[in-house]
Protein backbone atom coordinates (compact mmCIF):
# COMPACT_ATOMS: atom_id res chain seq x y z
CA MET A 1 173.01 -51.89 -69.60
CA ASP A 2 171.15 -51.97 -66.49
CA ARG A 3 169.68 -48.49 -67.30
CA LYS A 4 168.74 -49.71 -70.89
CA LEU A 5 167.03 -52.85 -69.58
CA ASN A 6 165.15 -51.09 -67.07
CA ARG A 7 163.87 -48.71 -69.81
CA ARG A 8 163.00 -51.72 -71.83
CA TRP A 9 160.96 -53.73 -69.13
CA THR A 10 159.24 -50.74 -67.56
CA PRO A 11 156.30 -50.88 -70.02
CA VAL A 12 156.15 -54.43 -69.60
CA LEU A 13 155.90 -54.20 -65.92
CA ALA A 14 153.46 -51.43 -65.98
CA GLY A 15 151.19 -53.56 -68.39
CA LEU A 16 151.37 -56.39 -65.88
CA LEU A 17 150.61 -54.21 -63.05
CA LEU A 18 147.62 -52.47 -64.92
CA ALA A 19 146.30 -55.45 -66.42
CA PRO A 20 144.30 -56.67 -63.52
CA LEU A 21 142.86 -53.06 -63.13
CA VAL A 22 141.85 -52.85 -66.89
CA ALA A 23 140.11 -56.36 -66.55
CA ALA A 24 138.42 -55.38 -63.42
CA ALA A 25 137.28 -52.15 -65.03
CA ALA A 26 136.01 -54.10 -68.17
CA GLU A 27 134.18 -56.54 -66.10
CA SER A 28 132.45 -53.69 -64.26
CA ASN A 29 131.34 -52.16 -67.57
CA GLU A 30 130.02 -55.62 -68.83
CA ALA A 31 128.09 -55.93 -65.44
CA ALA A 32 126.41 -52.60 -65.85
CA ASP A 33 125.48 -53.12 -69.52
CA ALA A 34 124.00 -56.58 -68.53
CA VAL A 35 122.13 -54.94 -65.82
CA ALA A 36 120.88 -52.30 -68.14
CA LEU A 37 119.91 -54.97 -70.77
CA ARG A 38 118.08 -57.10 -68.37
CA ALA A 39 116.04 -54.11 -67.30
CA GLN A 40 115.09 -53.26 -70.81
CA ILE A 41 114.06 -56.86 -71.46
CA GLU A 42 111.89 -56.88 -68.37
CA GLU A 43 110.36 -53.74 -69.41
CA LEU A 44 109.72 -55.04 -72.92
CA ASP A 45 108.38 -58.18 -71.39
CA GLN A 46 105.73 -56.21 -69.28
CA LYS A 47 104.68 -54.21 -72.30
CA LEU A 48 104.16 -57.36 -74.30
CA LYS A 49 102.00 -58.88 -71.53
CA ILE A 50 100.05 -55.81 -71.45
CA ILE A 51 99.37 -55.94 -75.20
CA GLU A 52 98.58 -59.67 -74.93
CA ARG A 53 95.97 -58.97 -72.25
CA ARG A 54 94.38 -56.23 -74.07
CA LEU A 55 94.10 -58.35 -77.09
CA GLU A 56 92.45 -61.27 -74.87
CA LEU A 57 90.01 -58.53 -73.60
CA GLN A 58 89.15 -57.47 -77.09
CA GLN A 59 88.63 -61.24 -78.10
CA GLU A 60 86.46 -61.93 -74.91
CA THR A 61 84.18 -58.92 -75.70
CA ALA A 62 83.97 -59.89 -79.31
CA ALA A 63 82.86 -63.49 -78.31
CA THR A 64 80.48 -62.10 -75.66
CA ALA A 65 78.75 -59.82 -78.20
CA ALA A 66 78.51 -62.66 -80.53
CA THR A 67 77.13 -64.85 -78.05
CA ALA A 68 74.62 -62.16 -76.94
CA ALA A 69 73.50 -61.05 -80.57
CA PRO A 70 70.26 -63.02 -81.73
CA VAL A 71 70.50 -65.05 -85.01
CA VAL A 72 67.57 -63.88 -87.15
CA ARG A 73 66.11 -66.19 -89.69
CA ALA A 74 63.35 -65.41 -92.21
CA GLY A 75 62.60 -68.61 -94.20
CA GLY A 76 59.76 -69.73 -96.34
CA ASP A 77 57.76 -71.12 -93.65
CA ARG A 78 58.52 -69.04 -90.64
CA PHE A 79 60.30 -66.32 -88.92
CA SER A 80 62.50 -66.83 -86.00
CA LEU A 81 64.92 -65.56 -83.55
CA ALA A 82 67.64 -67.69 -81.86
CA SER A 83 70.68 -67.75 -79.76
CA THR A 84 74.01 -68.45 -81.55
CA ASN A 85 74.16 -71.92 -80.00
CA GLY A 86 70.62 -72.52 -81.01
CA ALA A 87 69.47 -73.49 -77.58
CA ASN A 88 66.95 -70.74 -77.12
CA THR A 89 64.57 -69.98 -80.12
CA ILE A 90 61.27 -68.24 -80.58
CA ARG A 91 59.43 -68.60 -83.86
CA PHE A 92 56.33 -66.57 -85.05
CA ARG A 93 53.91 -68.40 -87.05
CA ALA A 94 50.18 -67.95 -88.28
CA VAL A 95 47.43 -69.76 -89.76
CA LEU A 96 44.56 -68.17 -91.59
CA ASN A 97 41.83 -70.00 -93.18
CA VAL A 98 39.01 -68.23 -95.15
CA ASP A 99 36.16 -70.72 -96.13
CA ASN A 100 32.94 -70.64 -98.05
CA ARG A 101 29.97 -72.91 -97.74
CA LEU A 102 27.44 -73.42 -100.51
CA TYR A 103 24.51 -75.76 -99.94
CA SER A 104 22.48 -77.24 -102.86
CA ASN A 105 19.17 -77.33 -100.76
CA ASP A 106 17.80 -75.20 -98.00
CA LEU A 107 17.05 -77.76 -95.38
CA ALA A 108 19.13 -79.06 -92.47
CA PRO A 109 19.43 -82.60 -91.63
CA ASN A 110 16.71 -82.16 -88.89
CA GLY A 111 14.35 -81.06 -91.81
CA SER A 112 14.26 -77.31 -90.66
CA PRO A 113 15.33 -74.51 -93.02
CA LEU A 114 18.84 -73.68 -92.99
CA ALA A 115 19.79 -70.95 -90.77
CA PRO A 116 20.32 -67.52 -92.50
CA GLY A 117 23.92 -67.07 -93.54
CA ALA A 118 24.56 -70.66 -93.73
CA ASN A 119 25.70 -70.25 -97.29
CA GLY A 120 28.51 -67.67 -97.30
CA PHE A 121 31.99 -66.87 -96.27
CA LEU A 122 33.49 -67.37 -92.81
CA LEU A 123 36.76 -67.06 -91.14
CA ARG A 124 37.33 -70.65 -90.12
CA GLN A 125 40.64 -70.16 -88.39
CA VAL A 126 42.55 -67.17 -87.52
CA ARG A 127 45.61 -68.24 -85.26
CA PRO A 128 48.71 -66.13 -84.95
CA PHE A 129 50.94 -67.98 -82.54
CA ILE A 130 54.41 -68.36 -81.08
CA GLU A 131 56.56 -71.40 -80.36
CA GLY A 132 60.17 -72.22 -79.53
CA THR A 133 62.77 -73.73 -77.38
CA LEU A 134 64.40 -72.87 -74.05
CA GLY A 135 67.53 -74.32 -72.64
CA GLY A 136 67.80 -76.70 -75.64
CA PHE A 137 65.42 -79.21 -74.32
CA VAL A 138 62.02 -77.30 -73.27
CA ASP A 139 59.68 -76.71 -76.00
CA TYR A 140 56.53 -74.38 -75.81
CA ARG A 141 53.63 -73.30 -77.92
CA ILE A 142 50.89 -70.40 -77.39
CA MET A 143 48.27 -70.60 -80.11
CA PRO A 144 45.08 -68.43 -79.73
CA ASP A 145 42.19 -68.56 -82.33
CA PHE A 146 40.15 -65.41 -83.15
CA ALA A 147 37.77 -67.01 -85.58
CA GLY A 148 34.11 -67.04 -85.11
CA GLY A 149 34.01 -63.76 -83.37
CA ARG A 150 35.41 -65.19 -80.25
CA THR A 151 38.87 -65.73 -78.63
CA VAL A 152 39.81 -69.28 -77.93
CA LEU A 153 43.18 -70.58 -76.68
CA GLN A 154 43.79 -73.68 -78.84
CA ASP A 155 47.16 -74.63 -77.71
CA GLY A 156 49.14 -73.49 -74.53
CA TYR A 157 51.72 -76.07 -73.33
CA ILE A 158 55.25 -76.77 -72.62
CA VAL A 159 57.24 -80.02 -73.59
CA ALA A 160 60.22 -81.15 -71.70
CA ARG A 161 62.28 -83.44 -73.68
CA PHE A 162 64.54 -85.35 -71.31
CA LYS A 163 65.40 -88.16 -73.75
CA PRO A 164 64.11 -89.18 -77.15
CA TRP A 165 62.17 -91.90 -75.56
CA PHE A 166 60.78 -89.75 -72.74
CA ALA A 167 59.15 -86.32 -72.78
CA VAL A 168 56.66 -84.58 -70.39
CA THR A 169 54.07 -82.20 -71.85
CA ALA A 170 51.88 -79.98 -69.56
CA GLY A 171 49.13 -77.71 -70.61
CA LYS A 172 46.48 -77.80 -73.22
CA PHE A 173 47.11 -79.85 -76.42
CA LYS A 174 45.40 -82.32 -78.64
CA SER A 175 44.42 -85.41 -76.91
CA PRO A 176 46.53 -88.44 -78.27
CA LEU A 177 43.88 -90.56 -79.66
CA GLY A 178 42.81 -90.03 -83.27
CA LEU A 179 45.06 -90.29 -86.29
CA GLU A 180 43.49 -87.51 -88.41
CA ARG A 181 43.08 -85.30 -85.46
CA LEU A 182 46.64 -85.43 -84.57
CA GLN A 183 47.49 -83.95 -88.16
CA GLY A 184 48.31 -80.40 -88.19
CA ASP A 185 45.54 -78.07 -89.20
CA THR A 186 47.56 -77.29 -92.52
CA ASP A 187 48.43 -80.96 -93.12
CA THR A 188 44.76 -82.42 -93.43
CA ARG A 189 43.90 -83.10 -96.99
CA PHE A 190 40.20 -81.96 -96.62
CA ILE A 191 38.61 -78.93 -95.54
CA GLU A 192 36.79 -80.69 -92.61
CA ARG A 193 37.99 -83.92 -90.95
CA GLY A 194 36.22 -87.06 -91.39
CA LEU A 195 33.34 -88.66 -89.49
CA PRO A 196 35.38 -90.37 -86.95
CA ASP A 197 36.54 -87.16 -85.69
CA LYS A 198 32.96 -86.53 -84.37
CA LEU A 199 33.65 -89.31 -81.71
CA ILE A 200 37.23 -88.42 -80.89
CA PRO A 201 38.09 -85.50 -78.45
CA ASN A 202 39.92 -82.52 -79.68
CA ARG A 203 42.01 -80.42 -77.25
CA ASP A 204 42.25 -81.10 -73.53
CA ILE A 205 44.09 -79.87 -70.33
CA GLY A 206 46.44 -81.97 -68.44
CA LEU A 207 49.75 -84.15 -68.30
CA GLN A 208 51.26 -86.41 -71.11
CA PHE A 209 54.16 -88.55 -71.12
CA GLY A 210 55.69 -89.96 -74.45
CA GLY A 211 58.48 -90.21 -76.57
CA ASP A 212 59.97 -92.30 -79.63
CA LEU A 213 61.81 -95.57 -79.55
CA GLY A 214 63.94 -97.26 -82.09
CA GLY A 215 65.01 -94.21 -83.97
CA GLY A 216 61.24 -93.26 -84.49
CA LYS A 217 59.93 -96.74 -85.36
CA LEU A 218 57.64 -96.56 -82.27
CA SER A 219 55.97 -93.61 -80.55
CA TRP A 220 54.03 -93.73 -77.36
CA GLN A 221 51.82 -91.42 -75.49
CA LEU A 222 50.08 -91.59 -72.00
CA ALA A 223 47.98 -88.71 -70.89
CA TYR A 224 46.08 -87.84 -67.73
CA LEU A 225 43.54 -85.04 -68.68
CA ASN A 226 40.53 -83.20 -67.38
CA GLY A 227 38.43 -84.84 -70.06
CA ALA A 228 36.50 -83.50 -73.04
CA PRO A 229 33.35 -84.72 -74.86
CA ASP A 230 33.17 -86.44 -78.18
CA GLY A 231 34.36 -84.19 -80.84
CA GLY A 232 34.84 -81.27 -78.45
CA SER A 233 37.53 -79.44 -76.51
CA SER A 234 37.98 -78.39 -73.05
CA ASP A 235 36.95 -74.64 -74.09
CA GLY A 236 33.34 -75.98 -74.64
CA ASN A 237 33.00 -77.32 -70.97
CA THR A 238 30.43 -75.33 -68.71
CA SER A 239 33.41 -73.27 -67.56
CA ALA A 240 35.73 -72.90 -70.45
CA ASP A 241 38.98 -74.73 -70.13
CA ALA A 242 38.10 -75.72 -66.55
CA ASP A 243 37.35 -79.17 -65.37
CA SER A 244 33.71 -80.16 -65.27
CA ASN A 245 34.08 -82.57 -62.43
CA ASP A 246 36.68 -84.47 -60.39
CA ASP A 247 36.95 -87.27 -62.81
CA LYS A 248 39.89 -87.61 -65.24
CA ASP A 249 40.33 -89.21 -68.60
CA VAL A 250 43.18 -91.56 -69.14
CA VAL A 251 44.27 -91.62 -72.70
CA ALA A 252 47.00 -93.81 -74.29
CA ARG A 253 48.34 -94.43 -77.80
CA VAL A 254 51.03 -96.40 -79.56
CA PHE A 255 52.10 -95.89 -83.29
CA THR A 256 54.64 -97.87 -85.14
CA LEU A 257 56.58 -97.43 -88.53
CA PRO A 258 57.78 -100.97 -88.67
CA PHE A 259 59.48 -100.58 -91.99
CA ARG A 260 61.05 -97.13 -91.45
CA ASP A 261 64.58 -98.28 -92.27
CA SER A 262 63.82 -101.32 -94.24
CA GLN A 263 65.36 -102.04 -97.69
CA LEU A 264 61.59 -102.55 -98.75
CA PHE A 265 61.06 -99.18 -99.83
CA ARG A 266 57.56 -99.60 -100.78
CA LEU A 267 56.73 -100.28 -97.02
CA ARG A 268 58.76 -97.47 -95.47
CA GLY A 269 55.51 -95.23 -95.57
CA LEU A 270 53.42 -97.80 -93.70
CA GLY A 271 52.39 -96.89 -90.19
CA VAL A 272 49.85 -98.72 -87.75
CA GLY A 273 48.70 -97.84 -84.38
CA VAL A 274 45.97 -97.79 -81.58
CA GLY A 275 44.69 -95.24 -79.21
CA ALA A 276 42.25 -95.63 -76.31
CA SER A 277 40.62 -93.61 -73.54
CA TRP A 278 39.04 -94.42 -70.25
CA VAL A 279 36.76 -92.38 -67.77
CA GLU A 280 34.08 -92.85 -65.27
CA SER A 281 32.14 -89.65 -64.73
CA ASN A 282 28.62 -88.45 -64.26
CA GLY A 283 26.69 -85.46 -65.51
CA GLN A 284 25.14 -83.04 -63.35
CA LEU A 285 21.49 -81.70 -62.87
CA ASP A 286 20.31 -78.51 -61.26
CA GLY A 287 17.32 -78.08 -58.81
CA THR A 288 14.87 -78.12 -61.75
CA GLY A 289 16.10 -81.24 -63.11
CA ALA A 290 17.87 -79.52 -66.07
CA ALA A 291 21.54 -80.58 -66.96
CA THR A 292 24.16 -78.04 -65.71
CA GLN A 293 26.44 -80.30 -67.57
CA SER A 294 25.33 -83.48 -69.46
CA LEU A 295 29.05 -84.51 -70.64
CA LEU A 296 27.48 -85.62 -73.72
CA PRO A 297 27.90 -84.18 -77.31
CA SER A 298 25.80 -82.86 -80.15
CA LEU A 299 27.19 -84.13 -83.47
CA ARG A 300 27.44 -81.84 -86.68
CA THR A 301 28.10 -82.65 -90.25
CA ASN A 302 31.03 -81.22 -92.00
CA GLY A 303 28.60 -78.58 -93.15
CA GLN A 304 28.21 -77.71 -89.45
CA GLN A 305 24.61 -78.72 -89.29
CA THR A 306 23.39 -80.76 -86.26
CA PHE A 307 22.33 -84.15 -87.29
CA PHE A 308 22.28 -85.94 -83.75
CA SER A 309 21.66 -84.86 -80.03
CA TYR A 310 20.59 -86.30 -76.85
CA ARG A 311 17.47 -85.17 -75.31
CA GLY A 312 17.62 -81.76 -73.15
CA GLY A 313 15.37 -79.65 -71.41
CA THR A 314 14.01 -80.71 -67.83
CA THR A 315 14.30 -84.25 -68.57
CA PRO A 316 17.74 -84.49 -70.13
CA THR A 317 20.00 -87.47 -70.90
CA ILE A 318 23.31 -87.30 -69.06
CA ALA A 319 26.50 -89.33 -68.93
CA TRP A 320 26.28 -91.71 -66.00
CA GLY A 321 29.08 -94.14 -65.74
CA LYS A 322 31.88 -95.20 -67.96
CA ARG A 323 33.05 -93.80 -71.32
CA GLU A 324 35.52 -95.89 -73.13
CA ARG A 325 37.00 -95.17 -76.70
CA ILE A 326 39.25 -97.13 -78.77
CA SER A 327 40.58 -96.19 -82.29
CA PRO A 328 42.91 -98.62 -84.56
CA GLN A 329 44.28 -96.69 -87.28
CA ALA A 330 46.71 -96.83 -90.17
CA TYR A 331 48.26 -94.97 -92.89
CA TYR A 332 50.33 -95.77 -96.05
CA TYR A 333 52.40 -93.23 -98.32
CA TYR A 334 54.25 -94.27 -101.27
CA GLY A 335 55.59 -91.66 -103.75
CA PRO A 336 52.56 -89.18 -104.74
CA PHE A 337 50.04 -91.69 -103.30
CA GLY A 338 48.61 -91.68 -99.64
CA LEU A 339 46.00 -93.62 -97.80
CA LEU A 340 44.65 -92.93 -94.32
CA SER A 341 42.17 -94.91 -92.36
CA GLU A 342 40.73 -95.27 -89.04
CA TYR A 343 38.12 -96.58 -86.91
CA VAL A 344 36.63 -95.56 -83.68
CA THR A 345 34.13 -96.97 -81.31
CA VAL A 346 32.78 -95.38 -78.06
CA LYS A 347 30.96 -97.12 -75.33
CA GLN A 348 29.02 -94.44 -73.32
CA ASP A 349 26.93 -95.12 -70.25
CA VAL A 350 23.95 -92.63 -69.99
CA ARG A 351 20.91 -92.06 -67.80
CA ARG A 352 17.65 -90.26 -68.09
CA VAL A 353 14.94 -89.56 -65.31
CA ASN A 354 11.56 -88.77 -66.92
CA GLY A 355 9.13 -88.37 -63.93
CA ALA A 356 8.88 -91.71 -62.17
CA THR A 357 10.86 -93.52 -64.99
CA VAL A 358 14.70 -93.87 -64.60
CA ARG A 359 16.25 -95.28 -67.44
CA GLY A 360 20.02 -96.13 -67.89
CA ASP A 361 22.06 -97.99 -70.52
CA SER A 362 25.42 -98.55 -72.15
CA LEU A 363 25.44 -97.04 -75.68
CA ASN A 364 27.87 -98.14 -78.50
CA HIS A 365 28.63 -95.64 -81.16
CA SER A 366 31.24 -96.12 -83.98
CA ALA A 367 32.66 -94.51 -86.95
CA TRP A 368 35.20 -95.18 -89.84
CA GLN A 369 36.90 -93.59 -92.84
CA VAL A 370 39.08 -94.32 -95.74
CA ALA A 371 40.74 -91.30 -97.42
CA ALA A 372 43.20 -91.30 -100.50
CA SER A 373 45.25 -88.56 -102.02
CA TRP A 374 47.31 -88.32 -105.14
CA PHE A 375 49.72 -85.61 -106.06
CA LEU A 376 49.49 -85.22 -109.97
CA THR A 377 52.67 -82.97 -109.90
CA GLY A 378 54.75 -85.81 -108.47
CA GLU A 379 55.50 -84.57 -104.90
CA ASP A 380 56.33 -87.40 -102.25
CA ASN A 381 53.25 -87.91 -100.25
CA GLY A 382 53.25 -88.12 -96.52
CA TYR A 383 51.36 -87.59 -93.14
CA ARG A 384 52.49 -84.09 -93.46
CA VAL A 385 51.75 -82.06 -96.47
CA PRO A 386 54.82 -81.81 -98.92
CA ALA A 387 56.20 -78.38 -100.08
CA PRO A 388 55.52 -77.92 -104.03
CA LYS A 389 58.34 -79.05 -106.16
CA ASN A 390 57.71 -76.12 -108.55
CA PRO A 391 56.29 -73.29 -106.45
CA TYR A 392 54.02 -70.85 -108.42
CA VAL A 393 55.85 -67.92 -109.73
CA VAL A 394 54.17 -64.72 -111.35
CA GLY A 395 55.31 -64.91 -114.92
CA GLY A 396 57.54 -67.77 -114.29
CA LYS A 397 57.33 -71.59 -115.03
CA GLY A 398 56.27 -72.92 -111.63
CA TRP A 399 52.63 -73.75 -111.06
CA GLY A 400 52.75 -75.34 -107.79
CA SER A 401 51.33 -78.60 -106.67
CA LEU A 402 48.16 -80.26 -107.51
CA GLU A 403 46.49 -82.96 -105.34
CA LEU A 404 43.34 -85.03 -105.95
CA THR A 405 41.58 -86.47 -102.87
CA ALA A 406 38.69 -88.70 -102.09
CA ARG A 407 37.03 -90.11 -98.79
CA ILE A 408 34.23 -92.34 -97.79
CA ALA A 409 33.17 -92.34 -94.13
CA GLU A 410 30.29 -93.68 -91.94
CA LEU A 411 29.06 -92.91 -88.37
CA ASP A 412 26.64 -95.36 -86.92
CA LEU A 413 24.84 -94.53 -83.54
CA ASP A 414 23.47 -97.17 -81.23
CA ASP A 415 19.90 -97.97 -81.97
CA ASP A 416 19.24 -98.05 -78.27
CA SER A 417 19.80 -94.34 -78.15
CA PHE A 418 16.05 -94.00 -79.94
CA ALA A 419 14.38 -96.89 -78.09
CA GLY A 420 11.80 -96.30 -75.41
CA GLY A 421 9.62 -93.87 -77.26
CA ALA A 422 9.07 -90.61 -75.21
CA ASP A 423 11.79 -92.26 -72.67
CA SER A 424 14.42 -92.51 -75.24
CA PHE A 425 17.88 -91.06 -74.72
CA ALA A 426 17.64 -89.18 -78.12
CA ASN A 427 14.62 -88.06 -80.05
CA PRO A 428 14.36 -89.95 -83.46
CA VAL A 429 12.81 -87.08 -84.98
CA GLY A 430 15.72 -84.75 -85.69
CA SER A 431 18.48 -87.26 -84.82
CA ALA A 432 19.63 -89.56 -87.28
CA SER A 433 20.91 -92.99 -86.32
CA ARG A 434 23.53 -93.29 -89.16
CA ALA A 435 25.40 -90.89 -91.44
CA THR A 436 27.32 -91.88 -94.62
CA ALA A 437 29.31 -89.43 -96.40
CA TRP A 438 31.49 -89.28 -99.40
CA THR A 439 34.00 -86.38 -100.56
CA VAL A 440 36.01 -85.65 -103.43
CA GLY A 441 38.36 -82.60 -103.65
CA ALA A 442 41.40 -80.93 -105.24
CA ASN A 443 44.03 -79.11 -103.49
CA TRP A 444 46.34 -76.52 -105.31
CA GLY A 445 49.21 -75.77 -103.51
CA LEU A 446 50.62 -72.67 -105.02
CA THR A 447 53.58 -72.19 -102.47
CA GLN A 448 54.30 -73.68 -99.05
CA ASN A 449 52.53 -70.66 -97.71
CA PHE A 450 49.42 -70.38 -99.77
CA LYS A 451 46.96 -73.10 -100.80
CA LEU A 452 43.47 -73.35 -102.36
CA LEU A 453 41.27 -76.19 -101.38
CA LEU A 454 37.99 -77.23 -103.00
CA ASP A 455 35.62 -80.21 -101.60
CA TYR A 456 32.29 -81.50 -102.52
CA GLU A 457 30.65 -83.65 -99.99
CA GLU A 458 27.23 -85.49 -99.74
CA THR A 459 26.06 -86.95 -96.33
CA LYS A 460 23.20 -89.32 -96.37
CA PHE A 461 21.14 -90.05 -93.24
CA THR A 462 19.18 -93.01 -91.86
CA GLY A 463 16.42 -91.79 -89.86
CA GLY A 464 15.94 -88.35 -88.36
CA GLY A 465 13.14 -87.19 -90.16
CA ALA A 466 9.44 -86.85 -89.25
CA GLY A 467 7.46 -90.11 -89.20
CA GLY A 468 10.42 -92.16 -89.11
CA ALA A 469 11.73 -90.87 -92.48
CA ASP A 470 15.36 -90.39 -93.34
CA ALA A 471 16.48 -86.62 -92.90
CA PRO A 472 17.38 -84.91 -96.20
CA THR A 473 20.85 -85.73 -97.76
CA GLU A 474 23.21 -82.78 -97.14
CA LYS A 475 25.12 -81.65 -100.36
CA VAL A 476 27.56 -78.98 -99.76
CA LEU A 477 30.37 -77.31 -101.82
CA LEU A 478 33.20 -76.29 -99.44
CA SER A 479 36.22 -74.08 -100.52
CA ARG A 480 39.08 -72.66 -98.73
CA PHE A 481 41.88 -69.92 -98.97
CA GLN A 482 44.61 -71.20 -96.64
CA PHE A 483 47.49 -69.08 -95.63
CA GLN A 484 50.28 -70.37 -93.32
CA TYR A 485 53.52 -69.06 -92.11
């Protein structure tokens, strides 16, 4: 029995003795497997991180390339390059005006025959230019003009727009005074601007502050400029685009659209404002008594014939003291109808030395105009010319826009300019004391890039002829082929 019992319990006892060893071996194998599995997981994790980083680098490279690549746009009115975020842009533009003048008589306002070539074609404006923005807030423009067989820098300025209500402009730009003068050259409704423009400075060099308030309801400008004569630009100074003296013009303007957001839709296109300028400066004479710079203008008709000038030669009239300009102005646009009106008055101190006679006076000149326009093709009129609703298409149905225009204007020169006989500031023979002009025209805008303009203008003069007679009326037919991009 004992031997049988021993045989029966021997395996049990062996199992009990071997169980711990087997369990220990199993635990050892599991630990080894766990270590190996952990190593594999860590290896896979490293490989995944490498793949993720490679994807990040690829995405960063793609984003950098997209940011660096310029955005090219070629629209109907301009060609431009821009950064992806639009903060930096450059636009390439051009204006080309090919004009023709045809006079109905052969006499200039001073009674002399018209110069050879007065009737004919001319390049009135040839202006390729660039403009754009840097950093999202600094605008710039560089615009030369190659018309007339010479090169003139018309615009060359930068504008830092810090706030909608505050911007700083530096360089050469339009003096902020006249309403029609501040219109773009392709937005004016007539081939030549009206008579008030003869008394308003064009482009000048200096510094200007300005901006818009109330969402564009009120705009303001305050400029500190070298100074330009009536109707002239700084490139016409004795030294082109350089200051003629140490005195500076102060020019200010405010303009408001009081009903811009009103529910009175008929009044939304009403704008009124006023511009003014002040300077005190003196012309200069050389050792012989001739003017090295008179700082005074000669005035031309819209046919570009001189109808008024101060005396020159060895006993010239020169600016001597204050020059003050003020110009109330307004426009109104509603539907296809447009109306623009402005008035300007200039108070100019002058001086003339003729031998022992020294004369000085304060002369007051003024001019006004009222101009109307009407789109027969239904475009919404505005201070800027609208694009045609139905641009002309060769073989298609579009015929572009058709606009009719009419204007009446007058320029009155102080009668004291002609007082004093031989000592007068202006010679009454050859210089008129008044010019009254009326103009009618039609503009055919085939596309937003190409337009044909036709104006007929008559300018009647008071005085300016021999023996106190009136100078002959100027009658001229003006036409223009205008291209803009």
